[in-house]
N, C-alpha and C. Protein backbone atom coordinates (compact mmCIF):
# COMPACT_ATOMS: atom_id res chain seq x y z
N UNK A 1 -3.66 -33.26 -4.55
CA UNK A 1 -3.61 -32.35 -3.44
C UNK A 1 -3.93 -30.93 -3.94
N UNK A 2 -4.76 -30.21 -3.20
CA UNK A 2 -5.15 -28.86 -3.58
C UNK A 2 -4.01 -27.89 -3.29
N UNK A 3 -3.78 -26.98 -4.23
CA UNK A 3 -2.76 -25.96 -4.03
C UNK A 3 -3.32 -24.86 -3.13
N UNK A 4 -2.51 -24.40 -2.18
CA UNK A 4 -2.96 -23.32 -1.30
C UNK A 4 -2.11 -22.09 -1.55
N UNK A 5 -2.76 -20.95 -1.42
CA UNK A 5 -2.09 -19.68 -1.61
C UNK A 5 -1.87 -18.99 -0.27
N UNK A 6 -0.81 -18.20 -0.18
CA UNK A 6 -0.49 -17.42 1.01
C UNK A 6 -0.39 -15.96 0.60
N UNK A 7 -0.99 -15.07 1.39
CA UNK A 7 -0.89 -13.63 1.13
C UNK A 7 0.48 -13.15 1.56
N UNK A 8 1.22 -12.54 0.63
CA UNK A 8 2.56 -12.04 0.94
C UNK A 8 2.63 -10.53 0.98
N UNK A 9 1.61 -9.84 0.45
CA UNK A 9 1.59 -8.38 0.48
C UNK A 9 0.18 -7.87 0.26
N UNK A 10 -0.07 -6.65 0.74
CA UNK A 10 -1.36 -5.98 0.52
C UNK A 10 -1.08 -4.59 0.00
N UNK A 11 -1.94 -4.14 -0.93
CA UNK A 11 -1.76 -2.84 -1.57
C UNK A 11 -3.08 -2.09 -1.56
N UNK A 12 -2.99 -0.77 -1.50
CA UNK A 12 -4.21 0.03 -1.50
C UNK A 12 -4.89 0.04 -2.87
N UNK A 13 -4.09 0.03 -3.93
CA UNK A 13 -4.63 0.08 -5.29
C UNK A 13 -4.09 -1.09 -6.11
N UNK A 14 -4.87 -1.53 -7.08
CA UNK A 14 -4.46 -2.69 -7.86
C UNK A 14 -3.29 -2.37 -8.79
N UNK A 15 -3.10 -1.11 -9.15
CA UNK A 15 -1.96 -0.78 -10.03
C UNK A 15 -0.64 -1.10 -9.34
N UNK A 16 -0.55 -0.85 -8.05
CA UNK A 16 0.66 -1.20 -7.29
C UNK A 16 0.86 -2.71 -7.30
N UNK A 17 -0.22 -3.43 -7.05
CA UNK A 17 -0.15 -4.89 -7.00
C UNK A 17 0.23 -5.48 -8.36
N UNK A 18 -0.26 -4.88 -9.44
CA UNK A 18 0.03 -5.38 -10.78
C UNK A 18 1.53 -5.27 -11.10
N UNK A 19 2.16 -4.19 -10.64
CA UNK A 19 3.59 -4.00 -10.88
C UNK A 19 4.39 -5.09 -10.17
N UNK A 20 4.06 -5.33 -8.90
CA UNK A 20 4.77 -6.35 -8.12
C UNK A 20 4.46 -7.74 -8.67
N UNK A 21 3.22 -7.94 -9.11
CA UNK A 21 2.84 -9.23 -9.70
C UNK A 21 3.72 -9.53 -10.91
N UNK A 22 3.92 -8.52 -11.76
CA UNK A 22 4.78 -8.71 -12.93
C UNK A 22 6.20 -9.08 -12.56
N UNK A 23 6.72 -8.46 -11.50
CA UNK A 23 8.09 -8.77 -11.06
C UNK A 23 8.18 -10.21 -10.56
N UNK A 24 7.21 -10.63 -9.77
CA UNK A 24 7.23 -12.01 -9.24
C UNK A 24 7.05 -13.04 -10.36
N UNK A 25 6.18 -12.75 -11.31
CA UNK A 25 5.98 -13.68 -12.42
C UNK A 25 7.24 -13.78 -13.29
N UNK A 26 7.98 -12.67 -13.40
CA UNK A 26 9.24 -12.71 -14.14
C UNK A 26 10.26 -13.63 -13.47
N UNK A 27 10.11 -13.84 -12.18
CA UNK A 27 10.98 -14.75 -11.42
C UNK A 27 10.43 -16.17 -11.40
N UNK A 28 9.32 -16.41 -12.12
CA UNK A 28 8.77 -17.76 -12.21
C UNK A 28 7.81 -18.13 -11.10
N UNK A 29 7.30 -17.14 -10.39
CA UNK A 29 6.37 -17.40 -9.28
C UNK A 29 4.94 -17.16 -9.77
N UNK A 30 4.08 -18.13 -9.51
CA UNK A 30 2.67 -17.99 -9.88
C UNK A 30 2.01 -17.06 -8.87
N UNK A 31 1.29 -16.03 -9.37
CA UNK A 31 0.70 -15.00 -8.51
C UNK A 31 -0.79 -14.91 -8.75
N UNK A 32 -1.53 -14.67 -7.67
CA UNK A 32 -2.97 -14.47 -7.73
C UNK A 32 -3.30 -13.20 -6.97
N UNK A 33 -4.15 -12.34 -7.54
CA UNK A 33 -4.58 -11.12 -6.86
C UNK A 33 -6.01 -11.31 -6.37
N UNK A 34 -6.26 -10.95 -5.13
CA UNK A 34 -7.62 -11.03 -4.56
C UNK A 34 -8.14 -9.62 -4.32
N UNK A 35 -9.39 -9.39 -4.59
CA UNK A 35 -10.11 -8.14 -4.37
C UNK A 35 -9.68 -7.01 -5.29
N UNK A 36 -8.87 -7.30 -6.31
CA UNK A 36 -8.44 -6.23 -7.21
C UNK A 36 -9.59 -5.69 -8.07
N UNK A 37 -10.49 -6.55 -8.50
CA UNK A 37 -11.60 -6.09 -9.33
C UNK A 37 -12.59 -5.26 -8.51
N UNK A 38 -12.79 -5.64 -7.26
CA UNK A 38 -13.67 -4.86 -6.38
C UNK A 38 -13.12 -3.46 -6.18
N UNK A 39 -11.81 -3.35 -5.94
CA UNK A 39 -11.20 -2.06 -5.69
C UNK A 39 -11.10 -1.25 -6.99
N UNK A 40 -10.91 -1.91 -8.13
CA UNK A 40 -10.93 -1.19 -9.40
C UNK A 40 -12.31 -0.59 -9.66
N UNK A 41 -13.35 -1.28 -9.24
CA UNK A 41 -14.70 -0.81 -9.43
C UNK A 41 -15.02 0.35 -8.49
N UNK A 42 -14.57 0.26 -7.23
CA UNK A 42 -14.83 1.30 -6.24
C UNK A 42 -13.63 1.45 -5.31
N UNK A 43 -12.69 2.34 -5.65
CA UNK A 43 -11.46 2.49 -4.87
C UNK A 43 -11.69 2.91 -3.42
N UNK A 44 -12.83 3.49 -3.11
CA UNK A 44 -13.09 3.94 -1.75
C UNK A 44 -13.23 2.80 -0.75
N UNK A 45 -13.48 1.59 -1.23
CA UNK A 45 -13.64 0.46 -0.32
C UNK A 45 -12.32 -0.24 -0.01
N UNK A 46 -11.23 0.24 -0.55
CA UNK A 46 -9.94 -0.42 -0.38
C UNK A 46 -9.58 -0.61 1.09
N UNK A 47 -9.67 0.44 1.89
CA UNK A 47 -9.34 0.31 3.31
C UNK A 47 -10.33 -0.58 4.05
N UNK A 48 -11.58 -0.54 3.63
CA UNK A 48 -12.60 -1.32 4.32
C UNK A 48 -12.41 -2.83 4.14
N UNK A 49 -11.94 -3.25 2.96
CA UNK A 49 -11.78 -4.69 2.73
C UNK A 49 -10.34 -5.15 2.84
N UNK A 50 -9.45 -4.24 3.21
CA UNK A 50 -8.07 -4.65 3.44
C UNK A 50 -7.17 -4.58 2.22
N UNK A 51 -7.58 -3.87 1.19
CA UNK A 51 -6.74 -3.67 0.03
C UNK A 51 -6.69 -4.87 -0.90
N UNK A 52 -5.83 -4.76 -1.90
CA UNK A 52 -5.60 -5.85 -2.86
C UNK A 52 -4.59 -6.80 -2.24
N UNK A 53 -4.95 -8.07 -2.17
CA UNK A 53 -4.05 -9.08 -1.59
C UNK A 53 -3.28 -9.78 -2.69
N UNK A 54 -1.96 -9.78 -2.57
CA UNK A 54 -1.09 -10.47 -3.50
C UNK A 54 -0.76 -11.82 -2.89
N UNK A 55 -1.18 -12.87 -3.58
CA UNK A 55 -1.02 -14.23 -3.05
C UNK A 55 -0.12 -15.05 -3.97
N UNK A 56 0.67 -15.92 -3.34
CA UNK A 56 1.52 -16.84 -4.09
C UNK A 56 1.28 -18.25 -3.54
N UNK A 57 1.70 -19.25 -4.31
CA UNK A 57 1.61 -20.62 -3.81
C UNK A 57 2.42 -20.72 -2.52
N UNK A 58 1.92 -21.48 -1.57
CA UNK A 58 2.58 -21.59 -0.26
C UNK A 58 4.04 -22.01 -0.38
N UNK A 59 4.34 -22.85 -1.34
CA UNK A 59 5.73 -23.31 -1.49
C UNK A 59 6.66 -22.22 -2.01
N UNK A 60 6.10 -21.13 -2.59
CA UNK A 60 6.90 -20.02 -3.11
C UNK A 60 6.95 -18.82 -2.16
N UNK A 61 6.39 -18.96 -0.97
CA UNK A 61 6.27 -17.83 -0.04
C UNK A 61 7.63 -17.22 0.30
N UNK A 62 8.59 -18.02 0.69
CA UNK A 62 9.90 -17.49 1.09
C UNK A 62 10.60 -16.78 -0.07
N UNK A 63 10.55 -17.38 -1.25
CA UNK A 63 11.18 -16.78 -2.42
C UNK A 63 10.51 -15.43 -2.75
N UNK A 64 9.20 -15.39 -2.69
CA UNK A 64 8.46 -14.16 -2.97
C UNK A 64 8.77 -13.07 -1.95
N UNK A 65 8.85 -13.43 -0.68
CA UNK A 65 9.15 -12.44 0.36
C UNK A 65 10.55 -11.88 0.19
N UNK A 66 11.51 -12.72 -0.22
CA UNK A 66 12.87 -12.23 -0.46
C UNK A 66 12.89 -11.22 -1.61
N UNK A 67 12.13 -11.49 -2.64
CA UNK A 67 12.05 -10.57 -3.77
C UNK A 67 11.39 -9.26 -3.35
N UNK A 68 10.31 -9.36 -2.59
CA UNK A 68 9.62 -8.16 -2.11
C UNK A 68 10.53 -7.29 -1.25
N UNK A 69 11.36 -7.91 -0.43
CA UNK A 69 12.28 -7.15 0.43
C UNK A 69 13.35 -6.44 -0.38
N UNK A 70 13.68 -6.98 -1.55
CA UNK A 70 14.72 -6.37 -2.38
C UNK A 70 14.21 -5.15 -3.15
N UNK A 71 12.90 -4.98 -3.22
CA UNK A 71 12.32 -3.86 -3.96
C UNK A 71 12.22 -2.66 -3.03
N UNK A 72 12.74 -1.52 -3.47
CA UNK A 72 12.67 -0.30 -2.67
C UNK A 72 11.21 0.11 -2.51
N UNK A 73 10.78 0.29 -1.28
CA UNK A 73 9.38 0.63 -1.05
C UNK A 73 9.21 2.02 -0.45
N UNK A 74 10.26 2.80 -0.44
CA UNK A 74 10.18 4.10 0.20
C UNK A 74 9.69 5.17 -0.77
N UNK A 75 9.09 6.20 -0.23
CA UNK A 75 8.43 7.24 -1.01
C UNK A 75 9.42 8.18 -1.70
N UNK A 76 8.99 8.65 -2.87
CA UNK A 76 9.77 9.64 -3.60
C UNK A 76 8.87 10.83 -3.93
N UNK A 77 9.49 11.98 -4.20
CA UNK A 77 8.70 13.15 -4.57
C UNK A 77 8.40 13.12 -6.07
N UNK A 78 7.83 14.21 -6.59
CA UNK A 78 7.43 14.25 -8.00
C UNK A 78 8.61 14.16 -8.96
N UNK A 79 9.81 14.51 -8.50
CA UNK A 79 11.01 14.43 -9.34
C UNK A 79 11.73 13.09 -9.20
N UNK A 80 11.21 12.20 -8.37
CA UNK A 80 11.83 10.89 -8.18
C UNK A 80 12.90 10.85 -7.11
N UNK A 81 13.07 11.94 -6.37
CA UNK A 81 14.06 11.98 -5.29
C UNK A 81 13.43 11.43 -4.02
N UNK A 82 14.21 10.72 -3.20
CA UNK A 82 13.65 10.18 -1.95
C UNK A 82 13.19 11.30 -1.01
N UNK A 83 12.06 11.07 -0.35
CA UNK A 83 11.56 12.04 0.63
C UNK A 83 12.35 11.85 1.92
N UNK A 84 12.81 12.96 2.49
CA UNK A 84 13.60 12.90 3.72
C UNK A 84 12.72 13.23 4.92
N UNK A 85 12.99 12.54 6.02
CA UNK A 85 12.31 12.80 7.29
C UNK A 85 12.78 14.16 7.82
N UNK A 86 11.86 15.03 8.24
CA UNK A 86 12.27 16.32 8.77
C UNK A 86 12.96 16.21 10.14
N UNK A 87 12.79 15.08 10.80
CA UNK A 87 13.37 14.89 12.14
C UNK A 87 14.79 14.33 12.08
N UNK A 88 15.00 13.24 11.33
CA UNK A 88 16.30 12.56 11.33
C UNK A 88 17.00 12.61 9.97
N UNK A 89 16.35 13.19 8.95
CA UNK A 89 16.90 13.35 7.60
C UNK A 89 17.18 12.02 6.88
N UNK A 90 16.62 10.92 7.33
CA UNK A 90 16.78 9.65 6.63
C UNK A 90 15.70 9.54 5.55
N UNK A 91 15.95 8.66 4.59
CA UNK A 91 15.02 8.53 3.46
C UNK A 91 14.16 7.27 3.54
N UNK A 92 14.06 6.68 4.71
CA UNK A 92 13.23 5.49 4.87
C UNK A 92 11.82 5.93 5.26
N UNK A 93 11.15 6.58 4.32
CA UNK A 93 9.85 7.20 4.56
C UNK A 93 8.80 6.50 3.72
N UNK A 94 7.66 6.17 4.34
CA UNK A 94 6.57 5.50 3.63
C UNK A 94 5.29 6.30 3.76
N UNK A 95 4.49 6.27 2.69
CA UNK A 95 3.16 6.86 2.70
C UNK A 95 2.23 5.92 3.46
N UNK A 96 1.34 6.48 4.28
CA UNK A 96 0.39 5.62 4.97
C UNK A 96 -0.98 6.27 5.03
N UNK A 97 -1.99 5.47 5.24
CA UNK A 97 -3.37 5.94 5.30
C UNK A 97 -3.70 6.37 6.73
N UNK A 98 -4.40 7.48 6.85
CA UNK A 98 -4.83 7.93 8.17
C UNK A 98 -6.12 7.23 8.60
N UNK A 99 -6.71 6.46 7.71
CA UNK A 99 -7.91 5.69 8.05
C UNK A 99 -7.42 4.32 8.53
N UNK A 100 -7.34 4.17 9.84
CA UNK A 100 -6.73 2.96 10.40
C UNK A 100 -7.67 2.09 11.20
N UNK A 101 -8.84 2.59 11.56
CA UNK A 101 -9.76 1.78 12.34
C UNK A 101 -11.20 2.12 11.95
N UNK A 102 -12.15 1.45 12.56
CA UNK A 102 -13.55 1.64 12.21
C UNK A 102 -14.00 3.08 12.48
N UNK A 103 -13.54 3.64 13.58
CA UNK A 103 -13.94 5.01 13.95
C UNK A 103 -13.48 6.01 12.89
N UNK A 104 -12.24 5.91 12.45
CA UNK A 104 -11.74 6.85 11.43
C UNK A 104 -12.40 6.60 10.08
N UNK A 105 -12.73 5.33 9.77
CA UNK A 105 -13.42 5.04 8.52
C UNK A 105 -14.82 5.62 8.52
N UNK A 106 -15.54 5.49 9.62
CA UNK A 106 -16.90 6.04 9.73
C UNK A 106 -16.84 7.56 9.62
N UNK A 107 -15.85 8.20 10.25
CA UNK A 107 -15.70 9.65 10.16
C UNK A 107 -15.43 10.06 8.71
N UNK A 108 -14.56 9.31 8.02
CA UNK A 108 -14.28 9.60 6.62
C UNK A 108 -15.54 9.44 5.78
N UNK A 109 -16.27 8.34 5.99
CA UNK A 109 -17.47 8.07 5.22
C UNK A 109 -18.52 9.15 5.46
N UNK A 110 -18.70 9.57 6.72
CA UNK A 110 -19.65 10.62 7.03
C UNK A 110 -19.26 11.93 6.34
N UNK A 111 -17.98 12.27 6.40
CA UNK A 111 -17.50 13.48 5.75
C UNK A 111 -17.67 13.43 4.25
N UNK A 112 -17.42 12.26 3.67
CA UNK A 112 -17.57 12.09 2.24
C UNK A 112 -19.02 12.24 1.82
N UNK A 113 -19.92 11.58 2.54
CA UNK A 113 -21.34 11.61 2.19
C UNK A 113 -21.98 12.97 2.44
N UNK A 114 -21.51 13.68 3.47
CA UNK A 114 -22.10 14.98 3.78
C UNK A 114 -21.44 16.11 3.00
N UNK A 115 -20.37 15.80 2.28
CA UNK A 115 -19.72 16.82 1.47
C UNK A 115 -18.83 17.77 2.23
N UNK A 116 -18.43 17.39 3.43
CA UNK A 116 -17.60 18.29 4.24
C UNK A 116 -16.11 18.00 4.14
N UNK A 117 -15.74 16.98 3.37
CA UNK A 117 -14.32 16.69 3.19
C UNK A 117 -13.68 17.77 2.32
N UNK A 118 -12.45 18.12 2.60
CA UNK A 118 -11.78 19.09 1.72
C UNK A 118 -11.51 18.48 0.35
N UNK A 119 -11.46 19.32 -0.66
CA UNK A 119 -11.19 18.82 -2.00
C UNK A 119 -9.74 18.39 -2.15
N UNK A 120 -8.84 18.99 -1.40
CA UNK A 120 -7.44 18.63 -1.45
C UNK A 120 -7.01 18.13 -0.08
N UNK A 121 -6.53 16.92 -0.03
CA UNK A 121 -6.04 16.38 1.24
C UNK A 121 -4.55 16.14 1.14
N UNK A 122 -3.85 16.37 2.22
CA UNK A 122 -2.41 16.17 2.25
C UNK A 122 -2.12 14.69 2.49
N UNK A 123 -0.97 14.26 1.97
CA UNK A 123 -0.53 12.90 2.21
C UNK A 123 0.19 12.85 3.56
N UNK A 124 0.05 11.76 4.26
CA UNK A 124 0.76 11.55 5.53
C UNK A 124 1.90 10.58 5.28
N UNK A 125 3.02 10.87 5.86
CA UNK A 125 4.20 10.03 5.73
C UNK A 125 4.70 9.64 7.12
N UNK A 126 5.37 8.48 7.19
CA UNK A 126 5.95 8.00 8.45
C UNK A 126 7.38 7.55 8.17
N UNK A 127 8.30 8.02 9.02
CA UNK A 127 9.70 7.61 8.91
C UNK A 127 9.86 6.27 9.62
N UNK A 128 10.45 5.30 8.93
CA UNK A 128 10.65 3.98 9.54
C UNK A 128 11.77 3.99 10.57
N UNK A 129 12.65 4.98 10.50
CA UNK A 129 13.77 5.03 11.45
C UNK A 129 13.36 5.61 12.79
N UNK A 130 12.76 6.82 12.77
CA UNK A 130 12.43 7.48 14.05
C UNK A 130 10.93 7.52 14.34
N UNK A 131 10.11 6.97 13.44
CA UNK A 131 8.65 6.87 13.58
C UNK A 131 7.93 8.22 13.58
N UNK A 132 8.59 9.27 13.09
CA UNK A 132 7.96 10.59 12.99
C UNK A 132 6.92 10.56 11.88
N UNK A 133 5.74 11.14 12.15
CA UNK A 133 4.70 11.27 11.15
C UNK A 133 4.66 12.73 10.72
N UNK A 134 4.58 12.96 9.40
CA UNK A 134 4.60 14.33 8.91
C UNK A 134 3.86 14.45 7.58
N UNK A 135 3.55 15.69 7.20
CA UNK A 135 2.91 16.01 5.94
C UNK A 135 3.94 16.60 4.99
N UNK A 136 3.66 16.51 3.72
CA UNK A 136 4.49 17.16 2.71
C UNK A 136 3.70 18.37 2.21
N UNK A 137 4.29 19.54 2.33
CA UNK A 137 3.63 20.73 1.83
C UNK A 137 4.09 21.01 0.41
N UNK A 138 3.16 21.33 -0.43
CA UNK A 138 3.50 21.57 -1.85
C UNK A 138 3.46 23.04 -2.14
């Protein structure tokens, strides 16, 4: 019988996926990464192809998801302190990409190719508690 894999997580960069892969393998779960070499070669295509897919054997899906849920996934600042939501002051804040659909990707690509993108872009964050979206000013 052929072994089948199930995608349990997606990451924008392969370095993130490699860290989680190591954790799952330490728990005895066989892990396969898809599209990591493509994104390592050209990181700009990550959003277009859906990021690096972390896959496990179908029979290990539940165990892998439990481990993933136990790992803190919330954002921290440069000193390692949790980022707080300016609205509700909770620390359940995640970094997210503003390129979410074809229209925003085409706009990004046009700006990149025409040289009109700013050299410094701010990160966007979203609070999981109150759904507030905000920037971090440095």
